[in-house]
Amino acid sequence: MGERLINVRVQPRASRNKVDTPREGALRIYVTAPPEGGRATDAARTLLAKHLGCAPSRLELVRGATSREKTFRVLE
C-alpha cells in the first residue's frame, strides 16, 4: 500500500466553508476561520475529511502549517 498525499490550497476568512474540485492542480478549500493559531488549518482538515468521507484524525498535515498551500497524508 502506497501513501496517499493530497495537495490543497486553503482560503481563510471565506464567506462560507466549501471544497472546490478544480480541473487540474490542488483542491481549493474555503474556510470561514481566520488563519491565526492554526484555526484555518484545523477547519480545512475537518472539511477535507468530510469531503473524503473519513475521520479528521486520519489526515496528517505533512507540509504547509503556516502556508495556504498544504499537503495532507491520508493514514490507512
PDB file of N, CA and C in Angstrom:
ATOM      1  N   MET A   1       0.826  -1.179   0.000  1.00  0.00           N
ATOM      2  CA  MET A   1       0.000   0.000   0.000  1.00  0.00           C
ATOM      3  C   MET A   1       0.872   1.245   0.000  1.00  0.00           C
ATOM      4  N   GLY A   2       0.678   2.139  -0.974  1.00  0.00           N
ATOM      5  CA  GLY A   2       1.410   3.390  -1.000  1.00  0.00           C
ATOM      6  C   GLY A   2       0.675   4.454  -0.214  1.00  0.00           C
ATOM      7  N   GLU A   3       1.418   5.460   0.178  1.00  0.00           N
ATOM      8  CA  GLU A   3       0.755   6.529   0.916  1.00  0.00           C
ATOM      9  C   GLU A   3       0.040   7.447  -0.062  1.00  0.00           C
ATOM     10  N   ARG A   4      -1.013   8.055   0.406  1.00  0.00           N
ATOM     11  CA  ARG A   4      -1.818   8.933  -0.428  1.00  0.00           C
ATOM     12  C   ARG A   4      -1.655  10.358   0.080  1.00  0.00           C
ATOM     13  N   LEU A   5      -1.134  11.224  -0.780  1.00  0.00           N
ATOM     14  CA  LEU A   5      -0.938  12.628  -0.433  1.00  0.00           C
ATOM     15  C   LEU A   5      -1.943  13.480  -1.192  1.00  0.00           C
ATOM     16  N   ILE A   6      -2.498  14.469  -0.515  1.00  0.00           N
ATOM     17  CA  ILE A   6      -3.470  15.357  -1.135  1.00  0.00           C
ATOM     18  C   ILE A   6      -2.979  16.791  -0.957  1.00  0.00           C
ATOM     19  N   ASN A   7      -2.797  17.487  -2.074  1.00  0.00           N
ATOM     20  CA  ASN A   7      -2.393  18.891  -2.054  1.00  0.00           C
ATOM     21  C   ASN A   7      -3.638  19.763  -2.069  1.00  0.00           C
ATOM     22  N   VAL A   8      -3.663  20.763  -1.201  1.00  0.00           N
ATOM     23  CA  VAL A   8      -4.801  21.673  -1.138  1.00  0.00           C
ATOM     24  C   VAL A   8      -4.307  23.111  -1.063  1.00  0.00           C
ATOM     25  N   ARG A   9      -5.151  24.006  -1.473  1.00  0.00           N
ATOM     26  CA  ARG A   9      -4.912  25.449  -1.286  1.00  0.00           C
ATOM     27  C   ARG A   9      -6.056  25.952  -0.426  1.00  0.00           C
ATOM     28  N   VAL A  10      -5.718  26.535   0.714  1.00  0.00           N
ATOM     29  CA  VAL A  10      -6.716  26.979   1.681  1.00  0.00           C
ATOM     30  C   VAL A  10      -6.918  28.486   1.574  1.00  0.00           C
ATOM     31  N   GLN A  11      -8.180  28.883   1.533  1.00  0.00           N
ATOM     32  CA  GLN A  11      -8.539  30.303   1.538  1.00  0.00           C
ATOM     33  C   GLN A  11      -9.239  30.616   2.857  1.00  0.00           C
ATOM     34  N   PRO A  12      -8.510  31.192   3.833  1.00  0.00           N
ATOM     35  CA  PRO A  12      -9.138  31.530   5.113  1.00  0.00           C
ATOM     36  C   PRO A  12     -10.053  32.747   4.977  1.00  0.00           C
ATOM     37  N   ARG A  13     -10.914  32.918   5.965  1.00  0.00           N
ATOM     38  CA  ARG A  13     -11.866  34.039   6.035  1.00  0.00           C
ATOM     39  C   ARG A  13     -12.751  34.132   4.802  1.00  0.00           C
ATOM     40  N   ALA A  14     -13.143  32.990   4.258  1.00  0.00           N
ATOM     41  CA  ALA A  14     -14.069  32.970   3.128  1.00  0.00           C
ATOM     42  C   ALA A  14     -15.484  33.221   3.645  1.00  0.00           C
ATOM     43  N   SER A  15     -16.396  33.470   2.746  1.00  0.00           N
ATOM     44  CA  SER A  15     -17.773  33.740   3.170  1.00  0.00           C
ATOM     45  C   SER A  15     -18.497  32.478   3.624  1.00  0.00           C
ATOM     46  N   ARG A  16     -18.019  31.311   3.160  1.00  0.00           N
ATOM     47  CA  ARG A  16     -18.612  30.042   3.599  1.00  0.00           C
ATOM     48  C   ARG A  16     -17.597  28.920   3.444  1.00  0.00           C
ATOM     49  N   ASN A  17     -17.851  27.806   4.132  1.00  0.00           N
ATOM     50  CA  ASN A  17     -16.984  26.632   4.027  1.00  0.00           C
ATOM     51  C   ASN A  17     -17.351  25.858   2.768  1.00  0.00           C
ATOM     52  N   LYS A  18     -16.327  25.515   1.976  1.00  0.00           N
ATOM     53  CA  LYS A  18     -16.589  24.854   0.697  1.00  0.00           C
ATOM     54  C   LYS A  18     -15.324  24.168   0.199  1.00  0.00           C
ATOM     55  N   VAL A  19     -15.487  23.011  -0.443  1.00  0.00           N
ATOM     56  CA  VAL A  19     -14.379  22.339  -1.132  1.00  0.00           C
ATOM     57  C   VAL A  19     -14.668  22.441  -2.618  1.00  0.00           C
ATOM     58  N   ASP A  20     -13.729  22.978  -3.356  1.00  0.00           N
ATOM     59  CA  ASP A  20     -13.872  23.144  -4.798  1.00  0.00           C
ATOM     60  C   ASP A  20     -12.903  22.200  -5.491  1.00  0.00           C
ATOM     61  N   THR A  21     -13.413  21.381  -6.383  1.00  0.00           N
ATOM     62  CA  THR A  21     -12.565  20.443  -7.113  1.00  0.00           C
ATOM     63  C   THR A  21     -12.229  21.043  -8.480  1.00  0.00           C
ATOM     64  N   PRO A  22     -10.993  21.485  -8.659  1.00  0.00           N
ATOM     65  CA  PRO A  22     -10.588  22.105  -9.930  1.00  0.00           C
ATOM     66  C   PRO A  22     -10.359  21.063 -11.018  1.00  0.00           C
ATOM     67  N   ARG A  23     -10.217  21.537 -12.204  1.00  0.00           N
ATOM     68  CA  ARG A  23      -9.951  20.632 -13.334  1.00  0.00           C
ATOM     69  C   ARG A  23      -8.526  20.103 -13.283  1.00  0.00           C
ATOM     70  N   GLU A  24      -7.630  20.902 -12.760  1.00  0.00           N
ATOM     71  CA  GLU A  24      -6.230  20.475 -12.623  1.00  0.00           C
ATOM     72  C   GLU A  24      -5.635  21.125 -11.384  1.00  0.00           C
ATOM     73  N   GLY A  25      -4.612  20.530 -10.843  1.00  0.00           N
ATOM     74  CA  GLY A  25      -3.943  21.110  -9.681  1.00  0.00           C
ATOM     75  C   GLY A  25      -4.569  20.690  -8.361  1.00  0.00           C
ATOM     76  N   ALA A  26      -4.313  21.478  -7.330  1.00  0.00           N
ATOM     77  CA  ALA A  26      -4.725  21.151  -5.972  1.00  0.00           C
ATOM     78  C   ALA A  26      -6.199  21.474  -5.735  1.00  0.00           C
ATOM     79  N   LEU A  27      -6.786  20.778  -4.762  1.00  0.00           N
ATOM     80  CA  LEU A  27      -8.134  21.113  -4.307  1.00  0.00           C
ATOM     81  C   LEU A  27      -8.094  22.502  -3.691  1.00  0.00           C
ATOM     82  N   ARG A  28      -9.176  23.240  -3.822  1.00  0.00           N
ATOM     83  CA  ARG A  28      -9.288  24.533  -3.149  1.00  0.00           C
ATOM     84  C   ARG A  28     -10.294  24.376  -2.028  1.00  0.00           C
ATOM     85  N   ILE A  29      -9.878  24.764  -0.828  1.00  0.00           N
ATOM     86  CA  ILE A  29     -10.744  24.665   0.339  1.00  0.00           C
ATOM     87  C   ILE A  29     -10.951  26.072   0.891  1.00  0.00           C
ATOM     88  N   TYR A  30     -12.198  26.466   0.974  1.00  0.00           N
ATOM     89  CA  TYR A  30     -12.562  27.771   1.510  1.00  0.00           C
ATOM     90  C   TYR A  30     -13.097  27.564   2.922  1.00  0.00           C
ATOM     91  N   VAL A  31     -12.532  28.269   3.892  1.00  0.00           N
ATOM     92  CA  VAL A  31     -12.979  28.147   5.277  1.00  0.00           C
ATOM     93  C   VAL A  31     -13.254  29.533   5.845  1.00  0.00           C
ATOM     94  N   THR A  32     -14.226  29.609   6.739  1.00  0.00           N
ATOM     95  CA  THR A  32     -14.578  30.886   7.357  1.00  0.00           C
ATOM     96  C   THR A  32     -13.622  31.244   8.489  1.00  0.00           C
ATOM     97  N   ALA A  33     -12.850  30.292   8.966  1.00  0.00           N
ATOM     98  CA  ALA A  33     -11.942  30.506  10.095  1.00  0.00           C
ATOM     99  C   ALA A  33     -10.789  31.425   9.702  1.00  0.00           C
ATOM    100  N   PRO A  34     -10.309  32.224  10.661  1.00  0.00           N
ATOM    101  CA  PRO A  34      -9.137  33.068  10.392  1.00  0.00           C
ATOM    102  C   PRO A  34      -7.860  32.237  10.442  1.00  0.00           C
ATOM    103  N   PRO A  35      -6.777  32.738   9.856  1.00  0.00           N
ATOM    104  CA  PRO A  35      -5.534  31.965   9.820  1.00  0.00           C
ATOM    105  C   PRO A  35      -4.749  31.959  11.125  1.00  0.00           C
ATOM    106  N   GLU A  36      -5.187  32.679  12.141  1.00  0.00           N
ATOM    107  CA  GLU A  36      -4.433  32.761  13.388  1.00  0.00           C
ATOM    108  C   GLU A  36      -4.527  31.473  14.198  1.00  0.00           C
ATOM    109  N   GLY A  37      -3.421  31.076  14.785  1.00  0.00           N
ATOM    110  CA  GLY A  37      -3.395  29.945  15.711  1.00  0.00           C
ATOM    111  C   GLY A  37      -3.724  28.599  15.095  1.00  0.00           C
ATOM    112  N   GLY A  38      -3.575  28.475  13.793  1.00  0.00           N
ATOM    113  CA  GLY A  38      -3.843  27.196  13.139  1.00  0.00           C
ATOM    114  C   GLY A  38      -5.315  26.866  12.979  1.00  0.00           C
ATOM    115  N   ARG A  39      -6.194  27.848  13.231  1.00  0.00           N
ATOM    116  CA  ARG A  39      -7.635  27.565  13.148  1.00  0.00           C
ATOM    117  C   ARG A  39      -8.090  27.290  11.724  1.00  0.00           C
ATOM    118  N   ALA A  40      -7.502  27.974  10.731  1.00  0.00           N
ATOM    119  CA  ALA A  40      -7.866  27.719   9.340  1.00  0.00           C
ATOM    120  C   ALA A  40      -7.394  26.323   8.915  1.00  0.00           C
ATOM    121  N   THR A  41      -6.228  25.911   9.374  1.00  0.00           N
ATOM    122  CA  THR A  41      -5.725  24.572   9.058  1.00  0.00           C
ATOM    123  C   THR A  41      -6.621  23.507   9.662  1.00  0.00           C
ATOM    124  N   ASP A  42      -7.029  23.689  10.914  1.00  0.00           N
ATOM    125  CA  ASP A  42      -7.929  22.726  11.558  1.00  0.00           C
ATOM    126  C   ASP A  42      -9.269  22.654  10.838  1.00  0.00           C
ATOM    127  N   ALA A  43      -9.792  23.812  10.447  1.00  0.00           N
ATOM    128  CA  ALA A  43     -11.063  23.838   9.725  1.00  0.00           C
ATOM    129  C   ALA A  43     -10.919  23.156   8.363  1.00  0.00           C
ATOM    130  N   ALA A  44      -9.784  23.378   7.697  1.00  0.00           N
ATOM    131  CA  ALA A  44      -9.536  22.745   6.399  1.00  0.00           C
ATOM    132  C   ALA A  44      -9.442  21.226   6.548  1.00  0.00           C
ATOM    133  N   ARG A  45      -8.765  20.758   7.603  1.00  0.00           N
ATOM    134  CA  ARG A  45      -8.653  19.314   7.857  1.00  0.00           C
ATOM    135  C   ARG A  45     -10.043  18.702   8.059  1.00  0.00           C
ATOM    136  N   THR A  46     -10.872  19.361   8.848  1.00  0.00           N
ATOM    137  CA  THR A  46     -12.230  18.862   9.114  1.00  0.00           C
ATOM    138  C   THR A  46     -13.058  18.824   7.837  1.00  0.00           C
ATOM    139  N   LEU A  47     -13.000  19.881   7.051  1.00  0.00           N
ATOM    140  CA  LEU A  47     -13.776  19.955   5.814  1.00  0.00           C
ATOM    141  C   LEU A  47     -13.279  18.939   4.786  1.00  0.00           C
ATOM    142  N   LEU A  48     -11.964  18.765   4.683  1.00  0.00           N
ATOM    143  CA  LEU A  48     -11.398  17.776   3.757  1.00  0.00           C
ATOM    144  C   LEU A  48     -11.791  16.362   4.170  1.00  0.00           C
ATOM    145  N   ALA A  49     -11.764  16.086   5.461  1.00  0.00           N
ATOM    146  CA  ALA A  49     -12.161  14.759   5.950  1.00  0.00           C
ATOM    147  C   ALA A  49     -13.621  14.471   5.600  1.00  0.00           C
ATOM    148  N   LYS A  50     -14.468  15.464   5.773  1.00  0.00           N
ATOM    149  CA  LYS A  50     -15.887  15.289   5.425  1.00  0.00           C
ATOM    150  C   LYS A  50     -16.025  15.030   3.922  1.00  0.00           C
ATOM    151  N   HIS A  51     -15.260  15.765   3.115  1.00  0.00           N
ATOM    152  CA  HIS A  51     -15.290  15.604   1.659  1.00  0.00           C
ATOM    153  C   HIS A  51     -14.833  14.197   1.248  1.00  0.00           C
ATOM    154  N   LEU A  52     -13.811  13.674   1.951  1.00  0.00           N
ATOM    155  CA  LEU A  52     -13.272  12.346   1.628  1.00  0.00           C
ATOM    156  C   LEU A  52     -14.046  11.209   2.295  1.00  0.00           C
ATOM    157  N   GLY A  53     -14.878  11.546   3.283  1.00  0.00           N
ATOM    158  CA  GLY A  53     -15.640  10.518   3.991  1.00  0.00           C
ATOM    159  C   GLY A  53     -14.807   9.752   5.004  1.00  0.00           C
ATOM    160  N   CYS A  54     -13.893  10.442   5.667  1.00  0.00           N
ATOM    161  CA  CYS A  54     -13.071   9.798   6.689  1.00  0.00           C
ATOM    162  C   CYS A  54     -13.017  10.693   7.930  1.00  0.00           C
ATOM    163  N   ALA A  55     -12.432  10.188   8.991  1.00  0.00           N
ATOM    164  CA  ALA A  55     -12.291  10.959  10.229  1.00  0.00           C
ATOM    165  C   ALA A  55     -11.146  11.964  10.082  1.00  0.00           C
ATOM    166  N   PRO A  56     -11.284  13.153  10.667  1.00  0.00           N
ATOM    167  CA  PRO A  56     -10.189  14.135  10.599  1.00  0.00           C
ATOM    168  C   PRO A  56      -8.883  13.617  11.190  1.00  0.00           C
ATOM    169  N   SER A  57      -8.970  12.701  12.122  1.00  0.00           N
ATOM    170  CA  SER A  57      -7.752  12.145  12.730  1.00  0.00           C
ATOM    171  C   SER A  57      -6.968  11.283  11.742  1.00  0.00           C
ATOM    172  N   ARG A  58      -7.567  10.897  10.628  1.00  0.00           N
ATOM    173  CA  ARG A  58      -6.879  10.103   9.609  1.00  0.00           C
ATOM    174  C   ARG A  58      -6.131  10.972   8.608  1.00  0.00           C
ATOM    175  N   LEU A  59      -6.204  12.289   8.785  1.00  0.00           N
ATOM    176  CA  LEU A  59      -5.477  13.215   7.918  1.00  0.00           C
ATOM    177  C   LEU A  59      -4.340  13.836   8.710  1.00  0.00           C
ATOM    178  N   GLU A  60      -3.136  13.682   8.189  1.00  0.00           N
ATOM    179  CA  GLU A  60      -1.944  14.225   8.840  1.00  0.00           C
ATOM    180  C   GLU A  60      -1.379  15.340   7.967  1.00  0.00           C
ATOM    181  N   LEU A  61      -1.141  16.494   8.571  1.00  0.00           N
ATOM    182  CA  LEU A  61      -0.545  17.605   7.840  1.00  0.00           C
ATOM    183  C   LEU A  61       0.943  17.313   7.633  1.00  0.00           C
ATOM    184  N   VAL A  62       1.361  17.263   6.377  1.00  0.00           N
ATOM    185  CA  VAL A  62       2.753  16.955   6.039  1.00  0.00           C
ATOM    186  C   VAL A  62       3.550  18.233   5.799  1.00  0.00           C
ATOM    187  N   ARG A  63       2.952  19.169   5.063  1.00  0.00           N
ATOM    188  CA  ARG A  63       3.610  20.429   4.721  1.00  0.00           C
ATOM    189  C   ARG A  63       2.604  21.571   4.759  1.00  0.00           C
ATOM    190  N   GLY A  64       3.092  22.756   5.094  1.00  0.00           N
ATOM    191  CA  GLY A  64       2.287  23.959   4.948  1.00  0.00           C
ATOM    192  C   GLY A  64       1.541  24.424   6.172  1.00  0.00           C
ATOM    193  N   ALA A  65       2.074  24.210   7.361  1.00  0.00           N
ATOM    194  CA  ALA A  65       1.384  24.622   8.589  1.00  0.00           C
ATOM    195  C   ALA A  65       1.081  26.118   8.598  1.00  0.00           C
ATOM    196  N   THR A  66       1.966  26.931   8.035  1.00  0.00           N
ATOM    197  CA  THR A  66       1.752  28.378   8.037  1.00  0.00           C
ATOM    198  C   THR A  66       1.564  28.939   6.631  1.00  0.00           C
ATOM    199  N   SER A  67       1.250  28.085   5.683  1.00  0.00           N
ATOM    200  CA  SER A  67       1.086  28.484   4.294  1.00  0.00           C
ATOM    201  C   SER A  67      -0.323  28.166   3.810  1.00  0.00           C
ATOM    202  N   ARG A  68      -0.742  28.803   2.748  1.00  0.00           N
ATOM    203  CA  ARG A  68      -2.034  28.464   2.142  1.00  0.00           C
ATOM    204  C   ARG A  68      -1.944  27.148   1.366  1.00  0.00           C
ATOM    205  N   GLU A  69      -0.746  26.839   0.886  1.00  0.00           N
ATOM    206  CA  GLU A  69      -0.512  25.588   0.168  1.00  0.00           C
ATOM    207  C   GLU A  69      -0.186  24.512   1.195  1.00  0.00           C
ATOM    208  N   LYS A  70      -1.008  23.493   1.288  1.00  0.00           N
ATOM    209  CA  LYS A  70      -0.827  22.452   2.300  1.00  0.00           C
ATOM    210  C   LYS A  70      -0.854  21.073   1.641  1.00  0.00           C
ATOM    211  N   THR A  71      -0.199  20.129   2.289  1.00  0.00           N
ATOM    212  CA  THR A  71      -0.233  18.737   1.852  1.00  0.00           C
ATOM    213  C   THR A  71      -0.645  17.889   3.029  1.00  0.00           C
ATOM    214  N   PHE A  72      -1.691  17.084   2.830  1.00  0.00           N
ATOM    215  CA  PHE A  72      -2.172  16.154   3.858  1.00  0.00           C
ATOM    216  C   PHE A  72      -1.894  14.725   3.418  1.00  0.00           C
ATOM    217  N   ARG A  73      -1.566  13.895   4.375  1.00  0.00           N
ATOM    218  CA  ARG A  73      -1.391  12.456   4.132  1.00  0.00           C
ATOM    219  C   ARG A  73      -2.620  11.760   4.708  1.00  0.00           C
ATOM    220  N   VAL A  74      -3.206  10.848   3.917  1.00  0.00           N
ATOM    221  CA  VAL A  74      -4.331  10.050   4.390  1.00  0.00           C
ATOM    222  C   VAL A  74      -3.752   8.803   5.030  1.00  0.00           C
ATOM    223  N   LEU A  75      -3.983   8.635   6.326  1.00  0.00           N
ATOM    224  CA  LEU A  75      -3.481   7.478   7.049  1.00  0.00           C
ATOM    225  C   LEU A  75      -4.422   6.305   6.849  1.00  0.00           C
ATOM    226  N   GLU A  76      -3.847   5.163   6.561  1.00  0.00           N
ATOM    227  CA  GLU A  76      -4.644   3.950   6.323  1.00  0.00           C
ATOM    228  C   GLU A  76      -5.018   3.291   7.620  1.00  0.00           C
TER     229      GLU A  76
END
